[in-house]
Amino acid sequence: MSIKKGCYGFNIIFKVPNEDTERMDVFFETHQSFMRETHHMDGTVEPVILSYSVLKGPELNNPLDPNSGDTGHTLFAINEIYRGPEGCQAHMTLGQSREAMFAELMALTEQYMVSGLLGMPVEYSM
C-alpha cells in the first residue's frame, strides 16, 4: 500500500549534544528491533507500517550552507507512516508495553525533542 492523504504518522526531531549521540543511537537500535519484531509490512493486522526511517546529521550553523560549520549538536529525525489512526494507536499500545524502551523514549523526548507531529494525517505525498 502506498503512502497517501489519509494515512497517519509520527515525525519527531531531536537535537542532541554531540557527546550524547551514543544514547540516541542505542535507543534507535532498540526501537528498530522492536519495530521489526512487532509491526507488519502488509496484511490487515495493525500496526501495518508503510514507512519507517531515522535520519541523523550535524546541526549546521546555516542549514543552507554545508560549509558553515556545525553547532556541536546532532539532529535525529524519526518518521513513521501508518495506513490510518488505528495503526498509530496499535503502535503506541505496543510501544507502551515495552516499559524500559518507552521510559527511555519519554526521557529522550523530554530532554532533546525540539519538534514533533504525533499521530497526524498525511496531507501531501507522492
PDB file of N, CA and C in Angstrom:
ATOM      1  N   MET A   1       0.849  -1.181   0.000  1.00  0.00           N
ATOM      2  CA  MET A   1       0.000   0.000   0.000  1.00  0.00           C
ATOM      3  C   MET A   1       0.889   1.237   0.000  1.00  0.00           C
ATOM      4  N   SER A   2       0.538   2.229  -0.780  1.00  0.00           N
ATOM      5  CA  SER A   2       1.348   3.428  -0.864  1.00  0.00           C
ATOM      6  C   SER A   2       0.900   4.472   0.155  1.00  0.00           C
ATOM      7  N   ILE A   3       1.810   5.374   0.429  1.00  0.00           N
ATOM      8  CA  ILE A   3       1.511   6.478   1.342  1.00  0.00           C
ATOM      9  C   ILE A   3       0.687   7.503   0.577  1.00  0.00           C
ATOM     10  N   LYS A   4      -0.427   7.910   1.180  1.00  0.00           N
ATOM     11  CA  LYS A   4      -1.310   8.873   0.518  1.00  0.00           C
ATOM     12  C   LYS A   4      -2.024   9.696   1.579  1.00  0.00           C
ATOM     13  N   LYS A   5      -2.713  10.722   1.121  1.00  0.00           N
ATOM     14  CA  LYS A   5      -3.510  11.537   2.024  1.00  0.00           C
ATOM     15  C   LYS A   5      -4.469  10.617   2.779  1.00  0.00           C
ATOM     16  N   GLY A   6      -4.557  10.815   4.077  1.00  0.00           N
ATOM     17  CA  GLY A   6      -5.399   9.967   4.902  1.00  0.00           C
ATOM     18  C   GLY A   6      -4.625   8.945   5.711  1.00  0.00           C
ATOM     19  N   CYS A   7      -3.367   8.668   5.319  1.00  0.00           N
ATOM     20  CA  CYS A   7      -2.509   7.867   6.178  1.00  0.00           C
ATOM     21  C   CYS A   7      -2.132   8.740   7.387  1.00  0.00           C
ATOM     22  N   TYR A   8      -1.629   8.111   8.418  1.00  0.00           N
ATOM     23  CA  TYR A   8      -1.260   8.843   9.633  1.00  0.00           C
ATOM     24  C   TYR A   8       0.166   8.499  10.024  1.00  0.00           C
ATOM     25  N   GLY A   9       0.790   9.404  10.773  1.00  0.00           N
ATOM     26  CA  GLY A   9       2.148   9.112  11.167  1.00  0.00           C
ATOM     27  C   GLY A   9       2.688   9.955  12.296  1.00  0.00           C
ATOM     28  N   PHE A  10       3.960   9.708  12.544  1.00  0.00           N
ATOM     29  CA  PHE A  10       4.732  10.401  13.568  1.00  0.00           C
ATOM     30  C   PHE A  10       5.982  10.980  12.920  1.00  0.00           C
ATOM     31  N   ASN A  11       6.369  12.172  13.333  1.00  0.00           N
ATOM     32  CA  ASN A  11       7.635  12.765  12.929  1.00  0.00           C
ATOM     33  C   ASN A  11       8.157  13.545  14.123  1.00  0.00           C
ATOM     34  N   ILE A  12       9.313  13.139  14.624  1.00  0.00           N
ATOM     35  CA  ILE A  12       9.888  13.786  15.793  1.00  0.00           C
ATOM     36  C   ILE A  12      11.322  14.177  15.472  1.00  0.00           C
ATOM     37  N   ILE A  13      11.696  15.394  15.856  1.00  0.00           N
ATOM     38  CA  ILE A  13      13.055  15.903  15.680  1.00  0.00           C
ATOM     39  C   ILE A  13      13.702  16.041  17.056  1.00  0.00           C
ATOM     40  N   PHE A  14      14.899  15.484  17.190  1.00  0.00           N
ATOM     41  CA  PHE A  14      15.680  15.584  18.415  1.00  0.00           C
ATOM     42  C   PHE A  14      16.965  16.368  18.129  1.00  0.00           C
ATOM     43  N   LYS A  15      17.333  17.252  19.025  1.00  0.00           N
ATOM     44  CA  LYS A  15      18.593  17.994  18.949  1.00  0.00           C
ATOM     45  C   LYS A  15      19.441  17.541  20.139  1.00  0.00           C
ATOM     46  N   VAL A  16      20.548  16.867  19.841  1.00  0.00           N
ATOM     47  CA  VAL A  16      21.328  16.187  20.865  1.00  0.00           C
ATOM     48  C   VAL A  16      22.771  16.710  20.858  1.00  0.00           C
ATOM     49  N   PRO A  17      23.315  17.076  22.018  1.00  0.00           N
ATOM     50  CA  PRO A  17      24.738  17.439  22.053  1.00  0.00           C
ATOM     51  C   PRO A  17      25.568  16.273  21.509  1.00  0.00           C
ATOM     52  N   ASN A  18      26.591  16.596  20.740  1.00  0.00           N
ATOM     53  CA  ASN A  18      27.391  15.552  20.095  1.00  0.00           C
ATOM     54  C   ASN A  18      27.891  14.500  21.080  1.00  0.00           C
ATOM     55  N   GLU A  19      28.200  14.907  22.307  1.00  0.00           N
ATOM     56  CA  GLU A  19      28.731  13.946  23.279  1.00  0.00           C
ATOM     57  C   GLU A  19      27.657  12.970  23.786  1.00  0.00           C
ATOM     58  N   ASP A  20      26.382  13.217  23.479  1.00  0.00           N
ATOM     59  CA  ASP A  20      25.293  12.344  23.930  1.00  0.00           C
ATOM     60  C   ASP A  20      24.665  11.508  22.815  1.00  0.00           C
ATOM     61  N   THR A  21      25.243  11.531  21.622  1.00  0.00           N
ATOM     62  CA  THR A  21      24.598  10.844  20.489  1.00  0.00           C
ATOM     63  C   THR A  21      24.577   9.326  20.649  1.00  0.00           C
ATOM     64  N   GLU A  22      25.525   8.762  21.383  1.00  0.00           N
ATOM     65  CA  GLU A  22      25.530   7.307  21.543  1.00  0.00           C
ATOM     66  C   GLU A  22      24.241   6.834  22.217  1.00  0.00           C
ATOM     67  N   ARG A  23      23.740   7.621  23.149  1.00  0.00           N
ATOM     68  CA  ARG A  23      22.485   7.260  23.822  1.00  0.00           C
ATOM     69  C   ARG A  23      21.337   7.169  22.819  1.00  0.00           C
ATOM     70  N   MET A  24      21.276   8.128  21.899  1.00  0.00           N
ATOM     71  CA  MET A  24      20.225   8.100  20.877  1.00  0.00           C
ATOM     72  C   MET A  24      20.423   6.919  19.937  1.00  0.00           C
ATOM     73  N   ASP A  25      21.663   6.658  19.543  1.00  0.00           N
ATOM     74  CA  ASP A  25      21.928   5.524  18.657  1.00  0.00           C
ATOM     75  C   ASP A  25      21.493   4.210  19.300  1.00  0.00           C
ATOM     76  N   VAL A  26      21.785   4.040  20.583  1.00  0.00           N
ATOM     77  CA  VAL A  26      21.376   2.823  21.286  1.00  0.00           C
ATOM     78  C   VAL A  26      19.855   2.726  21.319  1.00  0.00           C
ATOM     79  N   PHE A  27      19.186   3.854  21.606  1.00  0.00           N
ATOM     80  CA  PHE A  27      17.727   3.828  21.625  1.00  0.00           C
ATOM     81  C   PHE A  27      17.177   3.424  20.258  1.00  0.00           C
ATOM     82  N   PHE A  28      17.678   4.043  19.184  1.00  0.00           N
ATOM     83  CA  PHE A  28      17.116   3.745  17.864  1.00  0.00           C
ATOM     84  C   PHE A  28      17.427   2.319  17.413  1.00  0.00           C
ATOM     85  N   GLU A  29      18.543   1.741  17.848  1.00  0.00           N
ATOM     86  CA  GLU A  29      18.796   0.330  17.557  1.00  0.00           C
ATOM     87  C   GLU A  29      17.732  -0.531  18.237  1.00  0.00           C
ATOM     88  N   THR A  30      17.427  -0.225  19.498  1.00  0.00           N
ATOM     89  CA  THR A  30      16.390  -0.943  20.231  1.00  0.00           C
ATOM     90  C   THR A  30      15.028  -0.738  19.578  1.00  0.00           C
ATOM     91  N   HIS A  31      14.745   0.502  19.197  1.00  0.00           N
ATOM     92  CA  HIS A  31      13.448   0.817  18.596  1.00  0.00           C
ATOM     93  C   HIS A  31      13.280   0.113  17.256  1.00  0.00           C
ATOM     94  N   GLN A  32      14.320   0.099  16.440  1.00  0.00           N
ATOM     95  CA  GLN A  32      14.214  -0.580  15.149  1.00  0.00           C
ATOM     96  C   GLN A  32      13.973  -2.078  15.353  1.00  0.00           C
ATOM     97  N   SER A  33      14.636  -2.681  16.322  1.00  0.00           N
ATOM     98  CA  SER A  33      14.389  -4.101  16.613  1.00  0.00           C
ATOM     99  C   SER A  33      12.942  -4.319  17.033  1.00  0.00           C
ATOM    100  N   PHE A  34      12.439  -3.449  17.902  1.00  0.00           N
ATOM    101  CA  PHE A  34      11.035  -3.507  18.321  1.00  0.00           C
ATOM    102  C   PHE A  34      10.115  -3.412  17.109  1.00  0.00           C
ATOM    103  N   MET A  35      10.389  -2.476  16.213  1.00  0.00           N
ATOM    104  CA  MET A  35       9.548  -2.298  15.026  1.00  0.00           C
ATOM    105  C   MET A  35       9.558  -3.568  14.162  1.00  0.00           C
ATOM    106  N   ARG A  36      10.727  -4.139  13.947  1.00  0.00           N
ATOM    107  CA  ARG A  36      10.831  -5.352  13.122  1.00  0.00           C
ATOM    108  C   ARG A  36      10.105  -6.535  13.763  1.00  0.00           C
ATOM    109  N   GLU A  37      10.131  -6.614  15.100  1.00  0.00           N
ATOM    110  CA  GLU A  37       9.501  -7.730  15.809  1.00  0.00           C
ATOM    111  C   GLU A  37       7.980  -7.620  15.868  1.00  0.00           C
ATOM    112  N   THR A  38       7.444  -6.415  15.894  1.00  0.00           N
ATOM    113  CA  THR A  38       6.027  -6.245  16.239  1.00  0.00           C
ATOM    114  C   THR A  38       5.155  -5.642  15.141  1.00  0.00           C
ATOM    115  N   HIS A  39       5.750  -5.112  14.086  1.00  0.00           N
ATOM    116  CA  HIS A  39       4.976  -4.437  13.049  1.00  0.00           C
ATOM    117  C   HIS A  39       4.957  -5.267  11.771  1.00  0.00           C
ATOM    118  N   HIS A  40       3.935  -5.053  10.979  1.00  0.00           N
ATOM    119  CA  HIS A  40       3.751  -5.789   9.727  1.00  0.00           C
ATOM    120  C   HIS A  40       4.004  -4.846   8.546  1.00  0.00           C
ATOM    121  N   MET A  41       4.457  -5.423   7.456  1.00  0.00           N
ATOM    122  CA  MET A  41       4.688  -4.655   6.225  1.00  0.00           C
ATOM    123  C   MET A  41       3.473  -4.719   5.295  1.00  0.00           C
ATOM    124  N   ASP A  42       2.580  -5.654   5.547  1.00  0.00           N
ATOM    125  CA  ASP A  42       1.351  -5.782   4.755  1.00  0.00           C
ATOM    126  C   ASP A  42       0.339  -6.565   5.567  1.00  0.00           C
ATOM    127  N   GLY A  43      -0.811  -6.800   4.991  1.00  0.00           N
ATOM    128  CA  GLY A  43      -1.853  -7.544   5.670  1.00  0.00           C
ATOM    129  C   GLY A  43      -2.868  -6.625   6.333  1.00  0.00           C
ATOM    130  N   THR A  44      -3.664  -7.201   7.224  1.00  0.00           N
ATOM    131  CA  THR A  44      -4.753  -6.449   7.844  1.00  0.00           C
ATOM    132  C   THR A  44      -4.590  -6.282   9.347  1.00  0.00           C
ATOM    133  N   VAL A  45      -3.583  -6.920   9.932  1.00  0.00           N
ATOM    134  CA  VAL A  45      -3.375  -6.827  11.380  1.00  0.00           C
ATOM    135  C   VAL A  45      -2.510  -5.604  11.676  1.00  0.00           C
ATOM    136  N   GLU A  46      -3.066  -4.677  12.445  1.00  0.00           N
ATOM    137  CA  GLU A  46      -2.330  -3.465  12.811  1.00  0.00           C
ATOM    138  C   GLU A  46      -1.339  -3.775  13.928  1.00  0.00           C
ATOM    139  N   PRO A  47      -0.213  -3.070  13.959  1.00  0.00           N
ATOM    140  CA  PRO A  47       0.129  -1.959  13.078  1.00  0.00           C
ATOM    141  C   PRO A  47       0.818  -2.421  11.797  1.00  0.00           C
ATOM    142  N   VAL A  48       0.335  -1.887  10.688  1.00  0.00           N
ATOM    143  CA  VAL A  48       0.973  -2.077   9.388  1.00  0.00           C
ATOM    144  C   VAL A  48       1.776  -0.802   9.114  1.00  0.00           C
ATOM    145  N   ILE A  49       3.083  -0.944   9.049  1.00  0.00           N
ATOM    146  CA  ILE A  49       3.974   0.204   8.836  1.00  0.00           C
ATOM    147  C   ILE A  49       4.225   0.362   7.341  1.00  0.00           C
ATOM    148  N   LEU A  50       3.955   1.545   6.829  1.00  0.00           N
ATOM    149  CA  LEU A  50       4.190   1.828   5.407  1.00  0.00           C
ATOM    150  C   LEU A  50       5.578   2.407   5.179  1.00  0.00           C
ATOM    151  N   SER A  51       6.079   3.135   6.170  1.00  0.00           N
ATOM    152  CA  SER A  51       7.397   3.746   6.049  1.00  0.00           C
ATOM    153  C   SER A  51       7.968   3.962   7.440  1.00  0.00           C
ATOM    154  N   TYR A  52       9.244   3.642   7.595  1.00  0.00           N
ATOM    155  CA  TYR A  52       9.958   3.858   8.848  1.00  0.00           C
ATOM    156  C   TYR A  52      11.362   4.321   8.493  1.00  0.00           C
ATOM    157  N   SER A  53      11.773   5.454   9.038  1.00  0.00           N
ATOM    158  CA  SER A  53      13.137   5.920   8.801  1.00  0.00           C
ATOM    159  C   SER A  53      13.596   6.805   9.946  1.00  0.00           C
ATOM    160  N   VAL A  54      14.908   6.766  10.166  1.00  0.00           N
ATOM    161  CA  VAL A  54      15.559   7.660  11.117  1.00  0.00           C
ATOM    162  C   VAL A  54      16.700   8.338  10.362  1.00  0.00           C
ATOM    163  N   LEU A  55      16.673   9.661  10.356  1.00  0.00           N
ATOM    164  CA  LEU A  55      17.739  10.433   9.739  1.00  0.00           C
ATOM    165  C   LEU A  55      18.615  10.997  10.845  1.00  0.00           C
ATOM    166  N   LYS A  56      19.909  11.156  10.549  1.00  0.00           N
ATOM    167  CA  LYS A  56      20.862  11.653  11.535  1.00  0.00           C
ATOM    168  C   LYS A  56      21.892  12.513  10.813  1.00  0.00           C
ATOM    169  N   GLY A  57      22.177  13.688  11.364  1.00  0.00           N
ATOM    170  CA  GLY A  57      23.199  14.538  10.773  1.00  0.00           C
ATOM    171  C   GLY A  57      23.534  15.702  11.667  1.00  0.00           C
ATOM    172  N   PRO A  58      24.641  16.368  11.368  1.00  0.00           N
ATOM    173  CA  PRO A  58      25.044  17.500  12.191  1.00  0.00           C
ATOM    174  C   PRO A  58      24.072  18.664  12.039  1.00  0.00           C
ATOM    175  N   GLU A  59      23.856  19.383  13.123  1.00  0.00           N
ATOM    176  CA  GLU A  59      23.105  20.636  13.039  1.00  0.00           C
ATOM    177  C   GLU A  59      24.085  21.699  12.555  1.00  0.00           C
ATOM    178  N   LEU A  60      23.827  22.242  11.391  1.00  0.00           N
ATOM    179  CA  LEU A  60      24.725  23.237  10.807  1.00  0.00           C
ATOM    180  C   LEU A  60      24.384  24.635  11.315  1.00  0.00           C
ATOM    181  N   ASN A  61      25.398  25.492  11.373  1.00  0.00           N
ATOM    182  CA  ASN A  61      25.171  26.893  11.741  1.00  0.00           C
ATOM    183  C   ASN A  61      24.194  27.546  10.779  1.00  0.00           C
ATOM    184  N   ASN A  62      24.324  27.200   9.496  1.00  0.00           N
ATOM    185  CA  ASN A  62      23.395  27.662   8.468  1.00  0.00           C
ATOM    186  C   ASN A  62      23.005  26.440   7.646  1.00  0.00           C
ATOM    187  N   PRO A  63      21.802  25.920   7.826  1.00  0.00           N
ATOM    188  CA  PRO A  63      21.411  24.697   7.126  1.00  0.00           C
ATOM    189  C   PRO A  63      21.494  24.795   5.603  1.00  0.00           C
ATOM    190  N   LEU A  64      21.492  26.009   5.070  1.00  0.00           N
ATOM    191  CA  LEU A  64      21.581  26.186   3.618  1.00  0.00           C
ATOM    192  C   LEU A  64      23.018  26.277   3.124  1.00  0.00           C
ATOM    193  N   ASP A  65      23.972  26.252   4.048  1.00  0.00           N
ATOM    194  CA  ASP A  65      25.391  26.343   3.683  1.00  0.00           C
ATOM    195  C   ASP A  65      26.155  25.218   4.364  1.00  0.00           C
ATOM    196  N   PRO A  66      26.429  24.128   3.646  1.00  0.00           N
ATOM    197  CA  PRO A  66      27.120  22.991   4.264  1.00  0.00           C
ATOM    198  C   PRO A  66      28.526  23.324   4.761  1.00  0.00           C
ATOM    199  N   ASN A  67      29.076  24.448   4.335  1.00  0.00           N
ATOM    200  CA  ASN A  67      30.413  24.848   4.766  1.00  0.00           C
ATOM    201  C   ASN A  67      30.392  25.764   5.984  1.00  0.00           C
ATOM    202  N   SER A  68      29.215  25.982   6.578  1.00  0.00           N
ATOM    203  CA  SER A  68      29.084  26.941   7.681  1.00  0.00           C
ATOM    204  C   SER A  68      29.546  26.382   9.024  1.00  0.00           C
ATOM    205  N   GLY A  69      29.877  25.118   9.074  1.00  0.00           N
ATOM    206  CA  GLY A  69      30.281  24.507  10.334  1.00  0.00           C
ATOM    207  C   GLY A  69      29.059  24.058  11.116  1.00  0.00           C
ATOM    208  N   ASP A  70      29.328  23.278  12.160  1.00  0.00           N
ATOM    209  CA  ASP A  70      28.198  22.764  12.934  1.00  0.00           C
ATOM    210  C   ASP A  70      28.139  23.406  14.312  1.00  0.00           C
ATOM    211  N   THR A  71      27.019  23.210  14.963  1.00  0.00           N
ATOM    212  CA  THR A  71      26.736  23.846  16.250  1.00  0.00           C
ATOM    213  C   THR A  71      27.237  23.041  17.444  1.00  0.00           C
ATOM    214  N   GLY A  72      27.708  21.831  17.195  1.00  0.00           N
ATOM    215  CA  GLY A  72      28.076  20.953  18.303  1.00  0.00           C
ATOM    216  C   GLY A  72      26.928  20.030  18.707  1.00  0.00           C
ATOM    217  N   HIS A  73      25.869  20.053  17.905  1.00  0.00           N
ATOM    218  CA  HIS A  73      24.717  19.188  18.131  1.00  0.00           C
ATOM    219  C   HIS A  73      24.487  18.308  16.905  1.00  0.00           C
ATOM    220  N   THR A  74      23.834  17.177  17.147  1.00  0.00           N
ATOM    221  CA  THR A  74      23.408  16.273  16.074  1.00  0.00           C
ATOM    222  C   THR A  74      21.890  16.242  16.072  1.00  0.00           C
ATOM    223  N   LEU A  75      21.308  16.286  14.885  1.00  0.00           N
ATOM    224  CA  LEU A  75      19.857  16.191  14.735  1.00  0.00           C
ATOM    225  C   LEU A  75      19.481  14.761  14.352  1.00  0.00           C
ATOM    226  N   PHE A  76      18.442  14.254  14.980  1.00  0.00           N
ATOM    227  CA  PHE A  76      17.856  12.967  14.650  1.00  0.00           C
ATOM    228  C   PHE A  76      16.403  13.240  14.287  1.00  0.00           C
ATOM    229  N   ALA A  77      15.922  12.634  13.224  1.00  0.00           N
ATOM    230  CA  ALA A  77      14.519  12.755  12.833  1.00  0.00           C
ATOM    231  C   ALA A  77      13.973  11.356  12.600  1.00  0.00           C
ATOM    232  N   ILE A  78      12.907  11.017  13.315  1.00  0.00           N
ATOM    233  CA  ILE A  78      12.252   9.723  13.108  1.00  0.00           C
ATOM    234  C   ILE A  78      10.919   9.979  12.424  1.00  0.00           C
ATOM    235  N   ASN A  79      10.645   9.168  11.417  1.00  0.00           N
ATOM    236  CA  ASN A  79       9.412   9.299  10.656  1.00  0.00           C
ATOM    237  C   ASN A  79       8.793   7.909  10.499  1.00  0.00           C
ATOM    238  N   GLU A  80       7.527   7.786  10.894  1.00  0.00           N
ATOM    239  CA  GLU A  80       6.780   6.532  10.752  1.00  0.00           C
ATOM    240  C   GLU A  80       5.436   6.862  10.119  1.00  0.00           C
ATOM    241  N   ILE A  81       5.040   6.072   9.130  1.00  0.00           N
ATOM    242  CA  ILE A  81       3.744   6.273   8.476  1.00  0.00           C
ATOM    243  C   ILE A  81       2.949   4.973   8.535  1.00  0.00           C
ATOM    244  N   TYR A  82       1.667   5.113   8.920  1.00  0.00           N
ATOM    245  CA  TYR A  82       0.729   4.000   9.035  1.00  0.00           C
ATOM    246  C   TYR A  82      -0.468   4.249   8.131  1.00  0.00           C
ATOM    247  N   ARG A  83      -1.267   3.204   7.880  1.00  0.00           N
ATOM    248  CA  ARG A  83      -2.428   3.336   6.998  1.00  0.00           C
ATOM    249  C   ARG A  83      -3.470   4.295   7.542  1.00  0.00           C
ATOM    250  N   GLY A  84      -3.577   4.397   8.848  1.00  0.00           N
ATOM    251  CA  GLY A  84      -4.584   5.265   9.446  1.00  0.00           C
ATOM    252  C   GLY A  84      -4.356   5.398  10.935  1.00  0.00           C
ATOM    253  N   PRO A  85      -5.267   6.062  11.635  1.00  0.00           N
ATOM    254  CA  PRO A  85      -5.095   6.281  13.072  1.00  0.00           C
ATOM    255  C   PRO A  85      -5.062   4.982  13.876  1.00  0.00           C
ATOM    256  N   GLU A  86      -5.700   3.929  13.366  1.00  0.00           N
ATOM    257  CA  GLU A  86      -5.673   2.646  14.066  1.00  0.00           C
ATOM    258  C   GLU A  86      -4.249   2.086  14.154  1.00  0.00           C
ATOM    259  N   GLY A  87      -3.485   2.290  13.102  1.00  0.00           N
ATOM    260  CA  GLY A  87      -2.083   1.848  13.115  1.00  0.00           C
ATOM    261  C   GLY A  87      -1.267   2.631  14.119  1.00  0.00           C
ATOM    262  N   CYS A  88      -1.508   3.931  14.208  1.00  0.00           N
ATOM    263  CA  CYS A  88      -0.801   4.757  15.198  1.00  0.00           C
ATOM    264  C   CYS A  88      -1.136   4.291  16.607  1.00  0.00           C
ATOM    265  N   GLN A  89      -2.414   4.037  16.848  1.00  0.00           N
ATOM    266  CA  GLN A  89      -2.830   3.598  18.182  1.00  0.00           C
ATOM    267  C   GLN A  89      -2.247   2.234  18.519  1.00  0.00           C
ATOM    268  N   ALA A  90      -2.257   1.310  17.569  1.00  0.00           N
ATOM    269  CA  ALA A  90      -1.674  -0.017  17.805  1.00  0.00           C
ATOM    270  C   ALA A  90      -0.182   0.105  18.097  1.00  0.00           C
ATOM    271  N   HIS A  91       0.498   0.984  17.377  1.00  0.00           N
ATOM    272  CA  HIS A  91       1.922   1.220  17.617  1.00  0.00           C
ATOM    273  C   HIS A  91       2.152   1.724  19.037  1.00  0.00           C
ATOM    274  N   MET A  92       1.369   2.701  19.465  1.00  0.00           N
ATOM    275  CA  MET A  92       1.531   3.261  20.805  1.00  0.00           C
ATOM    276  C   MET A  92       1.237   2.207  21.879  1.00  0.00           C
ATOM    277  N   THR A  93       0.221   1.400  21.686  1.00  0.00           N
ATOM    278  CA  THR A  93      -0.103   0.353  22.657  1.00  0.00           C
ATOM    279  C   THR A  93       1.052  -0.629  22.790  1.00  0.00           C
ATOM    280  N   LEU A  94       1.602  -1.066  21.656  1.00  0.00           N
ATOM    281  CA  LEU A  94       2.743  -1.986  21.687  1.00  0.00           C
ATOM    282  C   LEU A  94       3.966  -1.327  22.323  1.00  0.00           C
ATOM    283  N   GLY A  95       4.226  -0.075  21.956  1.00  0.00           N
ATOM    284  CA  GLY A  95       5.389   0.635  22.493  1.00  0.00           C
ATOM    285  C   GLY A  95       5.315   0.796  24.000  1.00  0.00           C
ATOM    286  N   GLN A  96       4.142   1.138  24.500  1.00  0.00           N
ATOM    287  CA  GLN A  96       3.984   1.336  25.938  1.00  0.00           C
ATOM    288  C   GLN A  96       4.106   0.018  26.705  1.00  0.00           C
ATOM    289  N   SER A  97       3.885  -1.100  26.031  1.00  0.00           N
ATOM    290  CA  SER A  97       4.029  -2.399  26.696  1.00  0.00           C
ATOM    291  C   SER A  97       5.498  -2.765  26.910  1.00  0.00           C
ATOM    292  N   ARG A  98       6.394  -2.095  26.205  1.00  0.00           N
ATOM    293  CA  ARG A  98       7.839  -2.273  26.407  1.00  0.00           C
ATOM    294  C   ARG A  98       8.293  -1.167  27.360  1.00  0.00           C
ATOM    295  N   GLU A  99       8.106  -1.415  28.651  1.00  0.00           N
ATOM    296  CA  GLU A  99       8.238  -0.355  29.648  1.00  0.00           C
ATOM    297  C   GLU A  99       9.592   0.347  29.630  1.00  0.00           C
ATOM    298  N   ALA A 100      10.685  -0.399  29.559  1.00  0.00           N
ATOM    299  CA  ALA A 100      12.013   0.225  29.585  1.00  0.00           C
ATOM    300  C   ALA A 100      12.235   1.081  28.334  1.00  0.00           C
ATOM    301  N   MET A 101      11.864   0.555  27.174  1.00  0.00           N
ATOM    302  CA  MET A 101      12.039   1.320  25.937  1.00  0.00           C
ATOM    303  C   MET A 101      11.176   2.571  25.951  1.00  0.00           C
ATOM    304  N   PHE A 102       9.925   2.439  26.394  1.00  0.00           N
ATOM    305  CA  PHE A 102       9.029   3.583  26.413  1.00  0.00           C
ATOM    306  C   PHE A 102       9.505   4.638  27.414  1.00  0.00           C
ATOM    307  N   ALA A 103       9.990   4.199  28.574  1.00  0.00           N
ATOM    308  CA  ALA A 103      10.524   5.145  29.567  1.00  0.00           C
ATOM    309  C   ALA A 103      11.715   5.907  28.997  1.00  0.00           C
ATOM    310  N   GLU A 104      12.577   5.217  28.261  1.00  0.00           N
ATOM    311  CA  GLU A 104      13.728   5.895  27.648  1.00  0.00           C
ATOM    312  C   GLU A 104      13.258   6.868  26.574  1.00  0.00           C
ATOM    313  N   LEU A 105      12.261   6.497  25.777  1.00  0.00           N
ATOM    314  CA  LEU A 105      11.715   7.423  24.782  1.00  0.00           C
ATOM    315  C   LEU A 105      11.182   8.684  25.452  1.00  0.00           C
ATOM    316  N   MET A 106      10.451   8.522  26.533  1.00  0.00           N
ATOM    317  CA  MET A 106       9.901   9.689  27.235  1.00  0.00           C
ATOM    318  C   MET A 106      11.018  10.571  27.793  1.00  0.00           C
ATOM    319  N   ALA A 107      12.075   9.961  28.328  1.00  0.00           N
ATOM    320  CA  ALA A 107      13.201  10.732  28.854  1.00  0.00           C
ATOM    321  C   ALA A 107      13.923  11.472  27.729  1.00  0.00           C
ATOM    322  N   LEU A 108      14.167  10.798  26.606  1.00  0.00           N
ATOM    323  CA  LEU A 108      14.825  11.437  25.463  1.00  0.00           C
ATOM    324  C   LEU A 108      13.972  12.560  24.899  1.00  0.00           C
ATOM    325  N   THR A 109      12.664  12.316  24.826  1.00  0.00           N
ATOM    326  CA  THR A 109      11.744  13.329  24.311  1.00  0.00           C
ATOM    327  C   THR A 109      11.771  14.571  25.196  1.00  0.00           C
ATOM    328  N   GLU A 110      11.722  14.361  26.490  1.00  0.00           N
ATOM    329  CA  GLU A 110      11.730  15.490  27.421  1.00  0.00           C
ATOM    330  C   GLU A 110      13.039  16.274  27.336  1.00  0.00           C
ATOM    331  N   GLN A 111      14.133  15.569  27.161  1.00  0.00           N
ATOM    332  CA  GLN A 111      15.439  16.213  27.170  1.00  0.00           C
ATOM    333  C   GLN A 111      15.827  16.821  25.824  1.00  0.00           C
ATOM    334  N   TYR A 112      15.485  16.149  24.702  1.00  0.00           N
ATOM    335  CA  TYR A 112      16.066  16.536  23.417  1.00  0.00           C
ATOM    336  C   TYR A 112      15.083  16.889  22.310  1.00  0.00           C
ATOM    337  N   MET A 113      13.788  16.598  22.456  1.00  0.00           N
ATOM    338  CA  MET A 113      12.855  16.865  21.359  1.00  0.00           C
ATOM    339  C   MET A 113      12.705  18.363  21.129  1.00  0.00           C
ATOM    340  N   VAL A 114      12.820  18.772  19.874  1.00  0.00           N
ATOM    341  CA  VAL A 114      12.609  20.179  19.524  1.00  0.00           C
ATOM    342  C   VAL A 114      11.335  20.379  18.719  1.00  0.00           C
ATOM    343  N   SER A 115      10.812  19.296  18.145  1.00  0.00           N
ATOM    344  CA  SER A 115       9.590  19.403  17.356  1.00  0.00           C
ATOM    345  C   SER A 115       8.994  18.018  17.180  1.00  0.00           C
ATOM    346  N   GLY A 116       7.668  17.964  17.090  1.00  0.00           N
ATOM    347  CA  GLY A 116       7.053  16.669  16.868  1.00  0.00           C
ATOM    348  C   GLY A 116       5.639  16.782  16.345  1.00  0.00           C
ATOM    349  N   LEU A 117       5.314  15.899  15.444  1.00  0.00           N
ATOM    350  CA  LEU A 117       3.945  15.688  14.972  1.00  0.00           C
ATOM    351  C   LEU A 117       3.608  14.253  15.328  1.00  0.00           C
ATOM    352  N   LEU A 118       2.623  14.075  16.197  1.00  0.00           N
ATOM    353  CA  LEU A 118       2.332  12.756  16.743  1.00  0.00           C
ATOM    354  C   LEU A 118       0.930  12.325  16.355  1.00  0.00           C
ATOM    355  N   GLY A 119       0.846  11.260  15.562  1.00  0.00           N
ATOM    356  CA  GLY A 119      -0.452  10.749  15.133  1.00  0.00           C
ATOM    357  C   GLY A 119      -1.199  11.724  14.240  1.00  0.00           C
ATOM    358  N   MET A 120      -0.497  12.354  13.344  1.00  0.00           N
ATOM    359  CA  MET A 120      -1.078  13.352  12.449  1.00  0.00           C
ATOM    360  C   MET A 120      -1.301  12.782  11.049  1.00  0.00           C
ATOM    361  N   PRO A 121      -2.315  13.313  10.343  1.00  0.00           N
ATOM    362  CA  PRO A 121      -2.600  12.803   9.000  1.00  0.00           C
ATOM    363  C   PRO A 121      -1.586  13.314   7.961  1.00  0.00           C
ATOM    364  N   VAL A 122      -1.338  12.480   6.980  1.00  0.00           N
ATOM    365  CA  VAL A 122      -0.548  12.872   5.810  1.00  0.00           C
ATOM    366  C   VAL A 122      -1.406  13.821   4.983  1.00  0.00           C
ATOM    367  N   GLU A 123      -0.878  14.940   4.612  1.00  0.00           N
ATOM    368  CA  GLU A 123      -1.595  15.917   3.789  1.00  0.00           C
ATOM    369  C   GLU A 123      -1.151  15.887   2.326  1.00  0.00           C
ATOM    370  N   TYR A 124       0.124  15.602   2.099  1.00  0.00           N
ATOM    371  CA  TYR A 124       0.670  15.590   0.735  1.00  0.00           C
ATOM    372  C   TYR A 124       1.616  14.403   0.604  1.00  0.00           C
ATOM    373  N   SER A 125       1.613  13.749  -0.543  1.00  0.00           N
ATOM    374  CA  SER A 125       2.530  12.635  -0.772  1.00  0.00           C
ATOM    375  C   SER A 125       2.677  12.399  -2.267  1.00  0.00           C
ATOM    376  N   MET A 126       3.654  11.601  -2.606  1.00  0.00           N
ATOM    377  CA  MET A 126       3.891  11.196  -3.992  1.00  0.00           C
ATOM    378  C   MET A 126       3.984   9.683  -4.047  1.00  0.00           C
TER     379      MET A 126
END
